[in-house]
Structures are given as structure tokens and as C-alpha cells.
C-alpha atoms as a PDB file:
ATOM      1  CA  UNK A   1      25.297  32.729  63.887  1.00  0.00           C
ATOM      2  CA  UNK A   2      27.672  34.880  62.422  1.00  0.00           C
ATOM      3  CA  UNK A   3      29.755  31.489  61.897  1.00  0.00           C
ATOM      4  CA  UNK A   4      26.837  29.880  59.854  1.00  0.00           C
ATOM      5  CA  UNK A   5      25.658  32.798  57.972  1.00  0.00           C
ATOM      6  CA  UNK A   6      28.958  33.281  56.214  1.00  0.00           C
ATOM      7  CA  UNK A   7      29.567  29.611  56.164  1.00  0.00           C
ATOM      8  CA  UNK A   8      25.891  29.050  54.206  1.00  0.00           C
ATOM      9  CA  UNK A   9      26.919  32.729  52.635  1.00  0.00           C
ATOM     10  CA  UNK A  10      29.901  31.665  50.856  1.00  0.00           C
ATOM     11  CA  UNK A  11      28.510  28.487  49.803  1.00  0.00           C
ATOM     12  CA  UNK A  12      25.920  30.274  47.489  1.00  0.00           C
ATOM     13  CA  UNK A  13      28.569  32.385  46.690  1.00  0.00           C
ATOM     14  CA  UNK A  14      30.486  28.748  45.366  1.00  0.00           C
ATOM     15  CA  UNK A  15      27.786  27.710  43.564  1.00  0.00           C
ATOM     16  CA  UNK A  16      27.311  30.700  42.141  1.00  0.00           C
ATOM     17  CA  UNK A  17      30.817  31.081  40.871  1.00  0.00           C
ATOM     18  CA  UNK A  18      30.543  27.198  39.569  1.00  0.00           C
ATOM     19  CA  UNK A  19      27.173  28.139  37.147  1.00  0.00           C
ATOM     20  CA  UNK A  20      28.634  30.695  36.438  1.00  0.00           C
ATOM     21  CA  UNK A  21      32.181  28.583  34.860  1.00  0.00           C
ATOM     22  CA  UNK A  22      29.560  26.102  33.604  1.00  0.00           C
ATOM     23  CA  UNK A  23      26.600  27.361  32.247  1.00  0.00           C
ATOM     24  CA  UNK A  24      25.395  29.638  30.416  1.00  0.00           C
ATOM     25  CA  UNK A  25      22.431  30.336  32.649  1.00  0.00           C
ATOM     26  CA  UNK A  26      22.308  33.514  33.103  1.00  0.00           C
ATOM     27  CA  UNK A  27      22.935  35.251  36.806  1.00  0.00           C
ATOM     28  CA  UNK A  28      23.026  38.303  38.126  1.00  0.00           C
ATOM     29  CA  UNK A  29      27.242  40.043  38.683  1.00  0.00           C
ATOM     30  CA  UNK A  30      28.390  38.439  42.119  1.00  0.00           C
ATOM     31  CA  UNK A  31      31.246  40.179  43.465  1.00  0.00           C
ATOM     32  CA  UNK A  32      34.781  38.905  44.848  1.00  0.00           C
ATOM     33  CA  UNK A  33      34.126  35.095  43.339  1.00  0.00           C
ATOM     34  CA  UNK A  34      36.311  32.733  43.310  1.00  0.00           C
ATOM     35  CA  UNK A  35      36.286  30.270  41.105  1.00  0.00           C
ATOM     36  CA  UNK A  36      38.786  27.965  42.388  1.00  0.00           C
ATOM     37  CA  UNK A  37      37.072  25.320  43.831  1.00  0.00           C
ATOM     38  CA  UNK A  38      34.105  24.988  40.932  1.00  0.00           C
ATOM     39  CA  UNK A  39      34.780  22.133  40.044  1.00  0.00           C
ATOM     40  CA  UNK A  40      34.072  21.003  43.887  1.00  0.00           C
ATOM     41  CA  UNK A  41      30.845  20.991  43.315  1.00  0.00           C
ATOM     42  CA  UNK A  42      30.818  19.236  39.859  1.00  0.00           C
ATOM     43  CA  UNK A  43      27.868  16.799  40.101  1.00  0.00           C
ATOM     44  CA  UNK A  44      25.921  19.942  41.893  1.00  0.00           C
ATOM     45  CA  UNK A  45      25.964  21.288  39.375  1.00  0.00           C
ATOM     46  CA  UNK A  46      25.022  19.252  36.759  1.00  0.00           C
ATOM     47  CA  UNK A  47      21.948  17.939  38.919  1.00  0.00           C
ATOM     48  CA  UNK A  48      20.463  21.045  38.381  1.00  0.00           C
ATOM     49  CA  UNK A  49      21.226  21.237  34.682  1.00  0.00           C
ATOM     50  CA  UNK A  50      19.882  17.773  34.733  1.00  0.00           C
ATOM     51  CA  UNK A  51      16.682  19.411  36.766  1.00  0.00           C
ATOM     52  CA  UNK A  52      15.691  21.901  33.917  1.00  0.00           C
ATOM     53  CA  UNK A  53      15.620  19.914  31.519  1.00  0.00           C
ATOM     54  CA  UNK A  54      13.695  17.541  32.911  1.00  0.00           C
ATOM     55  CA  UNK A  55      10.855  20.193  34.186  1.00  0.00           C
ATOM     56  CA  UNK A  56      11.203  21.271  31.036  1.00  0.00           C
ATOM     57  CA  UNK A  57      10.845  17.553  29.242  1.00  0.00           C
ATOM     58  CA  UNK A  58       7.914  16.828  32.067  1.00  0.00           C
ATOM     59  CA  UNK A  59       6.041  20.408  31.025  1.00  0.00           C
ATOM     60  CA  UNK A  60       6.673  19.887  27.319  1.00  0.00           C
ATOM     61  CA  UNK A  61       5.014  15.971  27.662  1.00  0.00           C
ATOM     62  CA  UNK A  62       2.103  18.158  29.890  1.00  0.00           C
ATOM     63  CA  UNK A  63       1.100  19.957  26.660  1.00  0.00           C
ATOM     64  CA  UNK A  64       1.602  16.242  24.474  1.00  0.00           C
ATOM     65  CA  UNK A  65       4.896  17.094  22.770  1.00  0.00           C
ATOM     66  CA  UNK A  66       5.978  13.597  20.722  1.00  0.00           C
ATOM     67  CA  UNK A  67       8.725  12.120  22.866  1.00  0.00           C
ATOM     68  CA  UNK A  68      11.248  12.180  19.356  1.00  0.00           C
ATOM     69  CA  UNK A  69      10.212  15.518  19.793  1.00  0.00           C
ATOM     70  CA  UNK A  70      10.997  16.382  23.469  1.00  0.00           C
ATOM     71  CA  UNK A  71      14.180  14.487  23.430  1.00  0.00           C
ATOM     72  CA  UNK A  72      15.546  16.573  20.650  1.00  0.00           C
ATOM     73  CA  UNK A  73      14.720  19.659  22.451  1.00  0.00           C
ATOM     74  CA  UNK A  74      15.445  18.458  25.544  1.00  0.00           C
ATOM     75  CA  UNK A  75      19.136  17.765  23.957  1.00  0.00           C
ATOM     76  CA  UNK A  76      19.257  21.900  22.282  1.00  0.00           C
ATOM     77  CA  UNK A  77      18.493  22.586  25.670  1.00  0.00           C
ATOM     78  CA  UNK A  78      20.735  21.128  27.518  1.00  0.00           C
ATOM     79  CA  UNK A  79      23.358  22.644  24.830  1.00  0.00           C
ATOM     80  CA  UNK A  80      22.515  25.571  24.847  1.00  0.00           C
ATOM     81  CA  UNK A  81      22.922  25.471  29.018  1.00  0.00           C
ATOM     82  CA  UNK A  82      26.724  24.240  28.988  1.00  0.00           C
ATOM     83  CA  UNK A  83      27.881  26.747  25.824  1.00  0.00           C
ATOM     84  CA  UNK A  84      28.570  24.003  24.347  1.00  0.00           C
ATOM     85  CA  UNK A  85      31.735  23.796  26.808  1.00  0.00           C
ATOM     86  CA  UNK A  86      31.682  20.333  27.043  1.00  0.00           C
ATOM     87  CA  UNK A  87      30.386  19.059  23.235  1.00  0.00           C
ATOM     88  CA  UNK A  88      33.506  21.671  22.436  1.00  0.00           C
ATOM     89  CA  UNK A  89      35.751  20.248  24.274  1.00  0.00           C
ATOM     90  CA  UNK A  90      34.950  16.190  22.853  1.00  0.00           C
ATOM     91  CA  UNK A  91      35.421  17.327  19.487  1.00  0.00           C
ATOM     92  CA  UNK A  92      38.721  19.134  20.230  1.00  0.00           C
ATOM     93  CA  UNK A  93      39.410  16.172  21.908  1.00  0.00           C
ATOM     94  CA  UNK A  94      38.231  13.785  18.823  1.00  0.00           C
ATOM     95  CA  UNK A  95      40.570  16.013  16.233  1.00  0.00           C
ATOM     96  CA  UNK A  96      43.403  16.164  18.583  1.00  0.00           C
ATOM     97  CA  UNK A  97      43.073  11.963  19.025  1.00  0.00           C
ATOM     98  CA  UNK A  98      42.518  11.570  14.775  1.00  0.00           C
ATOM     99  CA  UNK A  99      46.026  12.802  14.426  1.00  0.00           C
ATOM    100  CA  UNK A 100      48.538   9.738  14.008  1.00  0.00           C
ATOM    101  CA  UNK A 101      51.702  11.647  15.474  1.00  0.00           C
ATOM    102  CA  UNK A 102      51.532  11.985  19.227  1.00  0.00           C
ATOM    103  CA  UNK A 103      53.836  14.705  20.012  1.00  0.00           C
ATOM    104  CA  UNK A 104      51.053  16.562  17.735  1.00  0.00           C
ATOM    105  CA  UNK A 105      48.207  15.988  20.180  1.00  0.00           C
ATOM    106  CA  UNK A 106      47.702  18.743  22.214  1.00  0.00           C
ATOM    107  CA  UNK A 107      48.721  21.497  19.862  1.00  0.00           C
ATOM    108  CA  UNK A 108      45.947  19.733  17.622  1.00  0.00           C
ATOM    109  CA  UNK A 109      42.221  20.622  20.004  1.00  0.00           C
ATOM    110  CA  UNK A 110      44.239  23.955  21.259  1.00  0.00           C
ATOM    111  CA  UNK A 111      43.408  24.694  17.858  1.00  0.00           C
ATOM    112  CA  UNK A 112      39.282  26.927  17.415  1.00  0.00           C
ATOM    113  CA  UNK A 113      38.584  24.680  14.124  1.00  0.00           C
ATOM    114  CA  UNK A 114      36.489  22.355  14.386  1.00  0.00           C
ATOM    115  CA  UNK A 115      37.863  19.374  11.591  1.00  0.00           C
ATOM    116  CA  UNK A 116      36.108  16.741  10.689  1.00  0.00           C
ATOM    117  CA  UNK A 117      36.196  13.952  13.379  1.00  0.00           C
ATOM    118  CA  UNK A 118      35.293  16.543  16.105  1.00  0.00           C
ATOM    119  CA  UNK A 119      32.331  16.775  13.904  1.00  0.00           C
ATOM    120  CA  UNK A 120      31.563  13.405  13.351  1.00  0.00           C
ATOM    121  CA  UNK A 121      31.887  12.869  17.012  1.00  0.00           C
ATOM    122  CA  UNK A 122      29.263  16.218  18.090  1.00  0.00           C
ATOM    123  CA  UNK A 123      26.523  14.467  15.625  1.00  0.00           C
ATOM    124  CA  UNK A 124      27.636  10.985  17.638  1.00  0.00           C
ATOM    125  CA  UNK A 125      26.581  12.504  20.752  1.00  0.00           C
ATOM    126  CA  UNK A 126      23.524  14.700  19.807  1.00  0.00           C
ATOM    127  CA  UNK A 127      22.502  11.094  18.464  1.00  0.00           C
ATOM    128  CA  UNK A 128      23.544   9.190  20.855  1.00  0.00           C
ATOM    129  CA  UNK A 129      20.833  11.490  23.807  1.00  0.00           C
ATOM    130  CA  UNK A 130      18.733  12.200  21.243  1.00  0.00           C
ATOM    131  CA  UNK A 131      17.653   8.800  19.813  1.00  0.00           C
ATOM    132  CA  UNK A 132      18.151   6.842  24.342  1.00  0.00           C
ATOM    133  CA  UNK A 133      16.463   9.127  25.485  1.00  0.00           C
ATOM    134  CA  UNK A 134      13.516   8.532  22.799  1.00  0.00           C
ATOM    135  CA  UNK A 135      13.301   5.047  24.235  1.00  0.00           C
ATOM    136  CA  UNK A 136      13.340   5.940  27.691  1.00  0.00           C
ATOM    137  CA  UNK A 137      10.003   5.936  29.443  1.00  0.00           C
ATOM    138  CA  UNK A 138       9.831   5.854  32.309  1.00  0.00           C
ATOM    139  CA  UNK A 139      11.809   9.022  34.424  1.00  0.00           C
ATOM    140  CA  UNK A 140      13.547  11.102  32.279  1.00  0.00           C
ATOM    141  CA  UNK A 141      13.760  14.296  34.828  1.00  0.00           C
ATOM    142  CA  UNK A 142      15.758  11.158  36.970  1.00  0.00           C
ATOM    143  CA  UNK A 143      17.646   9.878  34.334  1.00  0.00           C
ATOM    144  CA  UNK A 144      18.346  13.848  33.270  1.00  0.00           C
ATOM    145  CA  UNK A 145      20.084  14.552  35.949  1.00  0.00           C
ATOM    146  CA  UNK A 146      21.664  11.472  37.074  1.00  0.00           C
ATOM    147  CA  UNK A 147      23.116  11.220  33.503  1.00  0.00           C
ATOM    148  CA  UNK A 148      24.541  14.947  34.498  1.00  0.00           C
ATOM    149  CA  UNK A 149      26.257  14.480  37.363  1.00  0.00           C
ATOM    150  CA  UNK A 150      27.421  11.031  36.751  1.00  0.00           C
ATOM    151  CA  UNK A 151      29.243  12.809  33.684  1.00  0.00           C
ATOM    152  CA  UNK A 152      30.900  15.478  36.333  1.00  0.00           C
ATOM    153  CA  UNK A 153      31.817  13.415  39.087  1.00  0.00           C
ATOM    154  CA  UNK A 154      33.434  11.311  35.805  1.00  0.00           C
ATOM    155  CA  UNK A 155      35.494  14.500  35.613  1.00  0.00           C
ATOM    156  CA  UNK A 156      36.215  14.672  38.733  1.00  0.00           C
ATOM    157  CA  UNK A 157      37.871  11.672  38.938  1.00  0.00           C
ATOM    158  CA  UNK A 158      39.904  12.226  35.769  1.00  0.00           C
ATOM    159  CA  UNK A 159      40.730  15.878  37.832  1.00  0.00           C
ATOM    160  CA  UNK A 160      41.917  13.441  40.515  1.00  0.00           C
ATOM    161  CA  UNK A 161      44.236  10.101  39.063  1.00  0.00           C
ATOM    162  CA  UNK A 162      45.794  12.212  35.783  1.00  0.00           C
ATOM    163  CA  UNK A 163      48.239  14.321  35.339  1.00  0.00           C
ATOM    164  CA  UNK A 164      46.970  18.006  33.814  1.00  0.00           C
ATOM    165  CA  UNK A 165      49.038  18.847  30.161  1.00  0.00           C
ATOM    166  CA  UNK A 166      49.109  21.808  30.364  1.00  0.00           C
ATOM    167  CA  UNK A 167      50.888  24.795  32.566  1.00  0.00           C
ATOM    168  CA  UNK A 168      48.175  26.822  31.879  1.00  0.00           C
ATOM    169  CA  UNK A 169      44.109  27.281  30.921  1.00  0.00           C
ATOM    170  CA  UNK A 170      40.567  27.052  32.273  1.00  0.00           C
ATOM    171  CA  UNK A 171      41.269  23.686  33.040  1.00  0.00           C
ATOM    172  CA  UNK A 172      44.534  23.696  35.611  1.00  0.00           C
ATOM    173  CA  UNK A 173      42.559  25.927  37.952  1.00  0.00           C
ATOM    174  CA  UNK A 174      41.040  22.348  38.343  1.00  0.00           C
ATOM    175  CA  UNK A 175      44.035  21.441  39.728  1.00  0.00           C
ATOM    176  CA  UNK A 176      44.020  23.354  43.092  1.00  0.00           C
ATOM    177  CA  UNK A 177      40.206  22.512  44.100  1.00  0.00           C
ATOM    178  CA  UNK A 178      40.465  18.701  43.324  1.00  0.00           C
ATOM    179  CA  UNK A 179      43.717  17.083  45.203  1.00  0.00           C
ATOM    180  CA  UNK A 180      42.399  13.717  46.788  1.00  0.00           C
ATOM    181  CA  UNK A 181      40.511  11.447  46.397  1.00  0.00           C
ATOM    182  CA  UNK A 182      38.309  12.130  49.533  1.00  0.00           C
ATOM    183  CA  UNK A 183      37.544  15.402  47.835  1.00  0.00           C
ATOM    184  CA  UNK A 184      35.875  12.931  44.543  1.00  0.00           C
ATOM    185  CA  UNK A 185      33.475  11.383  47.403  1.00  0.00           C
ATOM    186  CA  UNK A 186      30.574  13.791  48.397  1.00  0.00           C
ATOM    187  CA  UNK A 187      29.921  13.762  44.568  1.00  0.00           C
ATOM    188  CA  UNK A 188      29.610  10.244  44.758  1.00  0.00           C
ATOM    189  CA  UNK A 189      28.041   9.758  48.254  1.00  0.00           C
ATOM    190  CA  UNK A 190      25.441  12.866  45.965  1.00  0.00           C
ATOM    191  CA  UNK A 191      25.013  10.232  43.483  1.00  0.00           C
ATOM    192  CA  UNK A 192      24.777   7.339  45.391  1.00  0.00           C
ATOM    193  CA  UNK A 193      21.657   8.693  46.813  1.00  0.00           C
ATOM    194  CA  UNK A 194      20.105   9.938  44.136  1.00  0.00           C
ATOM    195  CA  UNK A 195      20.435   6.827  41.836  1.00  0.00           C
ATOM    196  CA  UNK A 196      19.192   5.017  44.011  1.00  0.00           C
ATOM    197  CA  UNK A 197      16.519   7.510  44.220  1.00  0.00           C
ATOM    198  CA  UNK A 198      15.111   5.059  41.947  1.00  0.00           C
ATOM    199  CA  UNK A 199      13.863   2.514  44.783  1.00  0.00           C
ATOM    200  CA  UNK A 200      11.419   4.444  46.174  1.00  0.00           C
ATOM    201  CA  UNK A 201       9.966   5.526  43.381  1.00  0.00           C
ATOM    202  CA  UNK A 202       8.694   2.299  41.438  1.00  0.00           C
ATOM    203  CA  UNK A 203      10.756  -0.215  44.470  1.00  0.00           C
ATOM    204  CA  UNK A 204      12.685  -1.294  41.223  1.00  0.00           C
ATOM    205  CA  UNK A 205      16.381  -2.100  43.422  1.00  0.00           C
ATOM    206  CA  UNK A 206      17.718  -3.366  40.023  1.00  0.00           C
ATOM    207  CA  UNK A 207      17.371  -0.699  38.014  1.00  0.00           C
ATOM    208  CA  UNK A 208      18.956   1.749  41.232  1.00  0.00           C
ATOM    209  CA  UNK A 209      21.994  -0.511  41.255  1.00  0.00           C
ATOM    210  CA  UNK A 210      22.500  -0.115  37.472  1.00  0.00           C
ATOM    211  CA  UNK A 211      22.146   3.568  37.437  1.00  0.00           C
ATOM    212  CA  UNK A 212      24.747   3.359  40.216  1.00  0.00           C
ATOM    213  CA  UNK A 213      27.226   0.908  38.606  1.00  0.00           C
ATOM    214  CA  UNK A 214      27.163   1.954  34.981  1.00  0.00           C
ATOM    215  CA  UNK A 215      27.365   5.639  36.475  1.00  0.00           C
ATOM    216  CA  UNK A 216      30.902   4.757  38.921  1.00  0.00           C
ATOM    217  CA  UNK A 217      32.300   2.410  35.990  1.00  0.00           C
ATOM    218  CA  UNK A 218      31.254   4.529  32.756  1.00  0.00           C
ATOM    219  CA  UNK A 219      32.651   8.132  34.871  1.00  0.00           C
ATOM    220  CA  UNK A 220      35.388   6.978  35.842  1.00  0.00           C
ATOM    221  CA  UNK A 221      37.003   4.422  32.549  1.00  0.00           C
ATOM    222  CA  UNK A 222      36.081   7.145  30.646  1.00  0.00           C
ATOM    223  CA  UNK A 223      38.758   9.371  32.053  1.00  0.00           C
ATOM    224  CA  UNK A 224      41.049   6.714  31.618  1.00  0.00           C
ATOM    225  CA  UNK A 225      40.790   5.709  28.442  1.00  0.00           C
ATOM    226  CA  UNK A 226      41.374   9.430  27.459  1.00  0.00           C
ATOM    227  CA  UNK A 227      44.474   9.729  29.627  1.00  0.00           C
ATOM    228  CA  UNK A 228      45.783   6.251  28.088  1.00  0.00           C
ATOM    229  CA  UNK A 229      45.336   7.640  24.150  1.00  0.00           C
ATOM    230  CA  UNK A 230      47.063  11.148  25.565  1.00  0.00           C
ATOM    231  CA  UNK A 231      49.205  10.702  28.878  1.00  0.00           C
ATOM    232  CA  UNK A 232      46.841  12.417  30.694  1.00  0.00           C
ATOM    233  CA  UNK A 233      44.280  15.253  30.760  1.00  0.00           C
ATOM    234  CA  UNK A 234      42.946  19.204  29.401  1.00  0.00           C
ATOM    235  CA  UNK A 235      40.188  21.279  30.220  1.00  0.00           C
ATOM    236  CA  UNK A 236      38.954  20.199  26.717  1.00  0.00           C
ATOM    237  CA  UNK A 237      39.331  16.318  27.807  1.00  0.00           C
ATOM    238  CA  UNK A 238      37.362  17.237  30.776  1.00  0.00           C
ATOM    239  CA  UNK A 239      34.460  18.863  28.818  1.00  0.00           C
ATOM    240  CA  UNK A 240      34.889  14.806  26.527  1.00  0.00           C
ATOM    241  CA  UNK A 241      34.601  13.231  29.375  1.00  0.00           C
ATOM    242  CA  UNK A 242      31.396  15.023  31.032  1.00  0.00           C
ATOM    243  CA  UNK A 243      29.887  14.217  26.832  1.00  0.00           C
ATOM    244  CA  UNK A 244      30.781  11.204  26.596  1.00  0.00           C
ATOM    245  CA  UNK A 245      30.048   9.266  30.079  1.00  0.00           C
ATOM    246  CA  UNK A 246      26.652  11.007  29.863  1.00  0.00           C
ATOM    247  CA  UNK A 247      25.406  10.063  26.093  1.00  0.00           C
ATOM    248  CA  UNK A 248      26.697   5.919  27.028  1.00  0.00           C
ATOM    249  CA  UNK A 249      25.565   6.490  29.645  1.00  0.00           C
ATOM    250  CA  UNK A 250      21.975   7.260  28.508  1.00  0.00           C
ATOM    251  CA  UNK A 251      22.156   4.243  26.386  1.00  0.00           C
ATOM    252  CA  UNK A 252      23.256   1.596  29.012  1.00  0.00           C
ATOM    253  CA  UNK A 253      19.868   2.979  30.705  1.00  0.00           C
ATOM    254  CA  UNK A 254      17.980   2.864  27.942  1.00  0.00           C
ATOM    255  CA  UNK A 255      19.283  -1.259  27.793  1.00  0.00           C
ATOM    256  CA  UNK A 256      18.565  -1.520  31.832  1.00  0.00           C
ATOM    257  CA  UNK A 257      14.907  -0.568  31.390  1.00  0.00           C
ATOM    258  CA  UNK A 258      13.732  -2.831  28.665  1.00  0.00           C
ATOM    259  CA  UNK A 259      15.647  -5.693  30.802  1.00  0.00           C
END
């Protein structure tokens, strides 16, 4: 009984550490949190974020808020919940990739000042998410959870598969948590199960398979593309993988819903 209680207590502490690391959700102070394993729970944190966004969207729909306004407010809350962590990474990555000299890219990415390309990347991401959500009509809560979950599973893939380019930094912690492809399986099974929920909701096997195939493919290819451009990953590119996977997946699901 003592061992079982300890196991659950440790799990809750790890999830609390992941929430504190990846979100701005206010939590009471907890002593003794270990942040070295936060990346293992990234997809689960994505589902929590998506669930909050979905509940918010359903609540606004109940009060008659129009679709476009709902979508804008959901995206704003999306940024607020994450504290702009991943969006900031996407912006820094865009600034770095805009530099012609590959040797200077990491230096530019480390600069806290936002350049023109970073601003344009942020605008593009926000517009893509807002437009896609506006066009999605059914089960928006599920789509939000799926997008947030697959985005963070893509981060896990990038951590496991590619070299980390900095000796220090917050992203360096993740390499300690995700050491092999075995560490990707829990998140993958979780996301496949969640995506398959669409079959139970309206017996749409096509849309469920689309969520699984598109989600896993975009999450994997996004990380591969950043690795191709930079020769590895940093904490900023992990955030960029999350953001671009979320935005691109929402756009693909919009197309699938209208087929």
C-alpha cells in the first residue's frame, strides 16, 4: 500500500513539475519538484492545455459568441496558458534561420530581441490557428486537444532523434528525460487513442485516421526540417516544432473535415 501511494504521489509531482515548466497555470508551491523528467509528460500537458481551451470554447458557444470571435479568444488564451513559451521559440528560430551565415544562427537565436522574421512567423502562426479554428465546426474541443498533444509529441521526437546544439540551457534537461524511442511510445499510444475517439463520437473512421496520420507525420517532419536547417535542435526549435505542428495540423484537419 505504501509503495502504491508513493508511485501515485511521484506521478502527480512529475505532472505538477511539467505544468509549471510548460505553462503559466498558477499552482501552489510544491517542495522537491524534479524538472529533469518534464519532457516525458509533454503530450499529457498538451492534452490538459487542449482540454482547457476546449472547455473555454464550449462555454463561449453556450453563451452565443460567434465562431470567429471564439476562435480569436481561444488562440489568445492558448498563448496565455503557455506563457508564450513555444511561440517565443518559434520566433527566435525564424530569426535564426533568416541569417545567411549558418555559423551565426545560434547566436541570433540566443538574442532576446525579436527581429522582422520572428514577428512574421508569429503573425503567420496566429493567423493559421485562428483561420483553421474558424473553419472547423465539429468537435472543436477534440481538435484542440489533438493539436496540442501531437505538437508536444513532435517535440519528444526531436529530442530523441536529433543532436542538442547547446551545452547548457533549459532544453538540455530534455535529453535526460527522452533517451530512446521507447520513451516516445507512451505519448504515441496516448495520441492514437485520443485521435481514435472520433470513431466513437460520429463513426468517422476517415477523420480519425487523418488525425493519426497527419498528426504523426507533421510532428515528425517538422522536427526533421529544423534539424536539416540547423544540424540539430535547441530549446527554441523544440518550441517551434510545437507551434508549427499545431498550426499545420489544424489546417490539414480543416481540409479533411470538408472532404
